Amino acid sequence: MDYSLYEVTGLSENIADHAKNYETIISAIELCRKNGLKGLKLPEGAFAVYNDKAAELSELLLSSEVSATDYAYWQSHPNVLFDIDGFESFTVKGNETTLLFDGLIGAFDVKNTGKVEIEGVTVDWINPLFFTGRVSGIVGHKITVITDQALKGNEPIVSFQNFDCITGHQKGMSAFCDISNVCRENEKTVSFESKETDGLSVGDGIIARYIYGFAPVMHFYESKNISIRNTVINAGCGMGIIAHKCEGFYAENFRVFPSGNRPMSTNTDATHFISCTGRIRFNNCMFEGMGDDAVNVHGFYIGVKRIIDRYTVAGVIEASVQDGIADMPDAGDIIEFCSKKTLLPFANGILAKVEFSGDAGEIILKFKGELPDGINADCCLANASKTAELVFENCSVKNIRGRALLIQTRNVAVRNNVFSDCTGQGIHIDTAAGWWESVGTRNVEISENEFINCGYGMTKYCDAVGIVIETEAESDAIGVHRNIVLRNNRIEGKNTGIKAKCVENLELKGNRFIGCKTQYDLSSCKNVKID
């Protein structure tokens, strides 16, 4: 017996005992804190674990009293079960344990912890934060839907997408703006209006999301040595996992897929990594049915606002950070000075001091050496020190709305995986203005993978089945991405196999194409080897 773990007892499988179960786990975590224990051991069974606050917040959302996109409000009302902060190490060990949530609540929020282990746990929602149904009519901008879910009317819709009612296969249409709230027509029928209906047909299944993200199922911040084993996420209010400024992440036999006959698992990304370091590794994992990407690894560009002196600039992060925590660089970080128009780096510097000016919303960055020539408000800064390695192997990603992998980091190996029926391309190697997600990639090898019928959706980005390498910026520039190897991949589908631009040193070897309209579409590249 592991006496360093507290064995949780007294959990009830009666759904009516959800508040009692919630308090039991909260008390167990506090016991660990007081007694120096290193985590919890959970019993076998399926246990509802949520509080009254989850229902109260959900009612504010579903009644549209608070906007679904009022992220400042939702982030100022945190609600989480496993609130882990400041532990030397913490383990949650399940024994075929299912945790059932409802309403707006997060499962795990882990901060400032030296070692984190989650094993043998399944997380699901009794009522996920979306509704499904079958399209019964489309007249102009009005869409009528038959649904088995009890909707009151006035529920918000931040996005909707269609799927095949028989197979559950994503059909590829999706809309993200100019969507009305739900109108209740009768007991089984609702309607809403959308300016975008192209690609939607009567008889289609429909998924309508109420919110993109109240909280991820698992949030990790400034923590280390995170391992997720034999764990399942069936649903979530937003993303499955967000790790921010963490060092080292390992997932094995980790699965994200919808339970029962639901067509969607997490509302957005399965996993999302912001300014992490060390190695992120996935082995023998499975991702299915998400509302967005399986994996996204990136940092954030800081836009230069003004030059303070020869050593100092004031800047600002011009995009929303997904967990609402300012993505601050640290003293000693290596910073790349880039053109906003191309995102191509033209110089490096080392940070000596970092301060945050809350009133102005600015980050004050003082460098050890003088600023390079050409630095001005048309520049942005990328943190080359906060770029985690990524290893993704022996995994499958299927039937999702979006791309399987969005790679915006350095030193990457993707091998021996199957990517199938993703509405976007299988792999997107990118860096982007607008989203302001960094950084230009280096040293990426993608080998021995299968890409089957990807890139068919209406929001398919670059109309490619397999792999897209690009820069989303005003102008293309060679060398934003460097040292990319695409080797021995099997790519089957109707669109272009591989697209690449803005790359210096690109090797394409042994890739096989089946049914693609063209194999390669290359532009603004240098030193390309094709075998």
Foldseek 3Di string as FASTA:
>chain_A
DPPLAAEQDDFDQPLVCQDVNLVSQVVRLVVCVVPVRAEYEYEADEGEHAHPVQVVQQCCQFLVVDALPPLVVLLVDAAERAEAEQAQHYEYHYDNYEYEYEGDHAYAAHENYAAYEYENYEYYYPDFQKFKFFFADDDQQKTKGFGPDARPWQQAFQKKFWAQPPPLFGQFDMDGDDKGTWADPDRGMIMIGHNDDPPPDGGIMMITGRHADSDANYEYEQYEHYEYENYEFQETNHENYEYEQYAHYEYEQYEYHHPDPDSATYAEEPYEYELYAHEHEYAQYEYHHYQEEPYEHWYFKWFFDFADDQFKTKTAGPAQDPSNDDRWDAQQWKKFKAFQQAQAGDDIFGFHDWDADVVVRIIMTGTPDTDDPPDDRRIIMGGLRSAYEYEYENYEYARYAYEHYEDAGEHYEAAHYEYESYCAENYEDEAEDPNRTHDAYERYEYAHYEFYAYNNHPPHPPSEGYYEYDYHGNDAAAPSHEAYEYEQYETEHAEEHYEYANYEHYEYYNYHYHNYPHDYHYDNYYNYHYD
